[in-house]
Amino acid sequence: MSTIPENIPNVTAVTKANIYFDGRVVSHSLMQADGSKKTLGLIFRGKYHFATDLAERMEVAAGVARVRLDGKEEWKSYPAGQSFEIPAKSGFDIEVKEGICEYICSFIK
């Protein structure tokens, strides 16, 4: 059973999009009442590298993402309904081989 939420109540959505890699990765920030932040986004076909400041939990809402954490050799696949975590002050490669990957990113304090 998936733990990916169908909706996120009581948030303020930032209308200005976060656009990366010439528009192939796009997200919007959601600010929660407790001050925490999430992003809700799309990753189009391709391979990308992201650096992290804070620790993050990425939940795949649709599609499939292949991921390799910095310092690791192994790629792991995460289909819809699965999640992975990235340590703070780190990074990861993410690849979408077909279709679009929809995700929710939570910033972990």
C-alpha atoms as a PDB file:
ATOM      1  CA  MET A   1       0.000   0.000   0.000  1.00  0.00           C
ATOM      2  CA  SER A   2       1.376   3.395  -0.982  1.00  0.00           C
ATOM      3  CA  THR A   3       1.971   6.054   1.651  1.00  0.00           C
ATOM      4  CA  ILE A   4       2.176   8.819  -0.958  1.00  0.00           C
ATOM      5  CA  PRO A   5      -0.491  11.408  -0.117  1.00  0.00           C
ATOM      6  CA  GLU A   6      -3.150  12.245  -2.691  1.00  0.00           C
ATOM      7  CA  ASN A   7      -3.287  15.794  -1.337  1.00  0.00           C
ATOM      8  CA  ILE A   8      -1.391  17.958   1.114  1.00  0.00           C
ATOM      9  CA  PRO A   9      -3.788  20.020   3.238  1.00  0.00           C
ATOM     10  CA  ASN A  10      -3.154  23.391   4.883  1.00  0.00           C
ATOM     11  CA  VAL A  11      -0.235  24.605   2.760  1.00  0.00           C
ATOM     12  CA  THR A  12       0.712  27.839   1.063  1.00  0.00           C
ATOM     13  CA  ALA A  13       1.828  27.227  -2.512  1.00  0.00           C
ATOM     14  CA  VAL A  14       4.563  29.422  -3.965  1.00  0.00           C
ATOM     15  CA  THR A  15       3.426  30.268  -7.490  1.00  0.00           C
ATOM     16  CA  LYS A  16       6.923  30.921  -8.886  1.00  0.00           C
ATOM     17  CA  ALA A  17       8.237  27.602 -10.204  1.00  0.00           C
ATOM     18  CA  ASN A  18      11.671  26.160  -9.455  1.00  0.00           C
ATOM     19  CA  ILE A  19      13.024  25.360 -12.930  1.00  0.00           C
ATOM     20  CA  TYR A  20      16.142  23.255 -13.500  1.00  0.00           C
ATOM     21  CA  PHE A  21      17.949  21.779 -16.508  1.00  0.00           C
ATOM     22  CA  ASP A  22      16.244  23.955 -19.150  1.00  0.00           C
ATOM     23  CA  GLY A  23      12.785  23.066 -17.863  1.00  0.00           C
ATOM     24  CA  ARG A  24      13.275  19.300 -17.720  1.00  0.00           C
ATOM     25  CA  VAL A  25      12.821  19.372 -13.913  1.00  0.00           C
ATOM     26  CA  VAL A  26      10.141  21.683 -12.497  1.00  0.00           C
ATOM     27  CA  SER A  27       8.727  21.997  -8.991  1.00  0.00           C
ATOM     28  CA  HIS A  28       6.656  24.289  -6.794  1.00  0.00           C
ATOM     29  CA  SER A  29       7.363  24.920  -3.106  1.00  0.00           C
ATOM     30  CA  LEU A  30       4.702  24.242  -0.501  1.00  0.00           C
ATOM     31  CA  MET A  31       5.025  25.913   2.890  1.00  0.00           C
ATOM     32  CA  GLN A  32       3.292  24.096   5.736  1.00  0.00           C
ATOM     33  CA  ALA A  33       1.733  25.716   8.809  1.00  0.00           C
ATOM     34  CA  ASP A  34       4.538  24.337  11.024  1.00  0.00           C
ATOM     35  CA  GLY A  35       7.152  26.121   8.877  1.00  0.00           C
ATOM     36  CA  SER A  36       8.368  23.001   7.075  1.00  0.00           C
ATOM     37  CA  LYS A  37       8.747  22.969   3.308  1.00  0.00           C
ATOM     38  CA  LYS A  38       7.985  20.454   0.588  1.00  0.00           C
ATOM     39  CA  THR A  39       8.318  20.653  -3.152  1.00  0.00           C
ATOM     40  CA  LEU A  40       5.964  19.016  -5.608  1.00  0.00           C
ATOM     41  CA  GLY A  41       7.407  18.432  -9.035  1.00  0.00           C
ATOM     42  CA  LEU A  42       7.991  16.710 -12.347  1.00  0.00           C
ATOM     43  CA  ILE A  43      11.149  15.165 -13.792  1.00  0.00           C
ATOM     44  CA  PHE A  44      11.144  14.591 -17.537  1.00  0.00           C
ATOM     45  CA  ARG A  45      13.292  11.989 -19.318  1.00  0.00           C
ATOM     46  CA  GLY A  46      17.000  12.424 -18.724  1.00  0.00           C
ATOM     47  CA  LYS A  47      19.752  12.129 -16.130  1.00  0.00           C
ATOM     48  CA  TYR A  48      20.399  14.918 -13.611  1.00  0.00           C
ATOM     49  CA  HIS A  49      22.548  15.645 -10.557  1.00  0.00           C
ATOM     50  CA  PHE A  50      21.311  17.556  -7.512  1.00  0.00           C
ATOM     51  CA  ALA A  51      23.228  18.730  -4.459  1.00  0.00           C
ATOM     52  CA  THR A  52      21.512  18.875  -1.066  1.00  0.00           C
ATOM     53  CA  ASP A  53      21.858  21.395   1.719  1.00  0.00           C
ATOM     54  CA  LEU A  54      19.308  19.828   4.071  1.00  0.00           C
ATOM     55  CA  ALA A  55      18.502  16.124   4.236  1.00  0.00           C
ATOM     56  CA  GLU A  56      15.640  15.210   1.891  1.00  0.00           C
ATOM     57  CA  ARG A  57      13.053  12.485   1.472  1.00  0.00           C
ATOM     58  CA  MET A  58      11.886  11.991  -2.112  1.00  0.00           C
ATOM     59  CA  GLU A  59       8.579  10.194  -2.612  1.00  0.00           C
ATOM     60  CA  VAL A  60       7.803   8.980  -6.122  1.00  0.00           C
ATOM     61  CA  ALA A  61       4.122   9.711  -6.816  1.00  0.00           C
ATOM     62  CA  ALA A  62       4.093   8.478 -10.444  1.00  0.00           C
ATOM     63  CA  GLY A  63       6.588   6.996 -12.886  1.00  0.00           C
ATOM     64  CA  VAL A  64       9.958   5.485 -12.045  1.00  0.00           C
ATOM     65  CA  ALA A  65      13.187   7.141 -10.919  1.00  0.00           C
ATOM     66  CA  ARG A  66      16.626   5.541 -10.931  1.00  0.00           C
ATOM     67  CA  VAL A  67      18.833   7.004  -8.206  1.00  0.00           C
ATOM     68  CA  ARG A  68      22.497   6.887  -7.208  1.00  0.00           C
ATOM     69  CA  LEU A  69      23.549   8.651  -4.023  1.00  0.00           C
ATOM     70  CA  ASP A  70      26.880  10.498  -4.047  1.00  0.00           C
ATOM     71  CA  GLY A  71      29.716   8.154  -3.125  1.00  0.00           C
ATOM     72  CA  LYS A  72      27.794   5.021  -4.139  1.00  0.00           C
ATOM     73  CA  GLU A  73      28.311   2.863  -7.228  1.00  0.00           C
ATOM     74  CA  GLU A  74      24.886   1.237  -7.305  1.00  0.00           C
ATOM     75  CA  TRP A  75      21.807   2.669  -9.022  1.00  0.00           C
ATOM     76  CA  LYS A  76      18.445   1.779  -7.430  1.00  0.00           C
ATOM     77  CA  SER A  77      15.008   2.024  -9.044  1.00  0.00           C
ATOM     78  CA  TYR A  78      12.083   3.614  -7.207  1.00  0.00           C
ATOM     79  CA  PRO A  79       8.646   3.140  -8.769  1.00  0.00           C
ATOM     80  CA  ALA A  80       5.515   5.038  -7.733  1.00  0.00           C
ATOM     81  CA  GLY A  81       4.735   4.534  -4.062  1.00  0.00           C
ATOM     82  CA  GLN A  82       8.361   4.227  -2.957  1.00  0.00           C
ATOM     83  CA  SER A  83      10.701   6.787  -1.414  1.00  0.00           C
ATOM     84  CA  PHE A  84      14.386   7.336  -0.695  1.00  0.00           C
ATOM     85  CA  GLU A  85      16.395   9.685   1.500  1.00  0.00           C
ATOM     86  CA  ILE A  86      19.429  11.824   0.738  1.00  0.00           C
ATOM     87  CA  PRO A  87      21.758  13.024   3.511  1.00  0.00           C
ATOM     88  CA  ALA A  88      22.368  16.720   4.135  1.00  0.00           C
ATOM     89  CA  LYS A  89      25.387  18.327   2.423  1.00  0.00           C
ATOM     90  CA  SER A  90      25.407  15.536  -0.150  1.00  0.00           C
ATOM     91  CA  GLY A  91      23.896  14.890  -3.550  1.00  0.00           C
ATOM     92  CA  PHE A  92      22.431  12.363  -5.919  1.00  0.00           C
ATOM     93  CA  ASP A  93      22.025  11.446  -9.565  1.00  0.00           C
ATOM     94  CA  ILE A  94      18.483  10.807 -10.732  1.00  0.00           C
ATOM     95  CA  GLU A  95      17.426   9.352 -14.073  1.00  0.00           C
ATOM     96  CA  VAL A  96      14.036   8.985 -15.716  1.00  0.00           C
ATOM     97  CA  LYS A  97      14.245   6.628 -18.682  1.00  0.00           C
ATOM     98  CA  GLU A  98      10.686   6.976 -19.957  1.00  0.00           C
ATOM     99  CA  GLY A  99       7.620   9.059 -19.314  1.00  0.00           C
ATOM    100  CA  ILE A 100       7.577  11.559 -16.447  1.00  0.00           C
ATOM    101  CA  CYS A 101       8.407  11.043 -12.790  1.00  0.00           C
ATOM    102  CA  GLU A 102       6.159  12.947 -10.374  1.00  0.00           C
ATOM    103  CA  TYR A 103       7.571  13.488  -6.890  1.00  0.00           C
ATOM    104  CA  ILE A 104       7.141  15.050  -3.465  1.00  0.00           C
ATOM    105  CA  CYS A 105      10.333  16.226  -1.763  1.00  0.00           C
ATOM    106  CA  SER A 106      10.281  16.784   2.004  1.00  0.00           C
ATOM    107  CA  PHE A 107      13.119  18.665   3.654  1.00  0.00           C
ATOM    108  CA  ILE A 108      14.156  16.851   6.833  1.00  0.00           C
ATOM    109  CA  LYS A 109      15.434  18.873   9.776  1.00  0.00           C
END
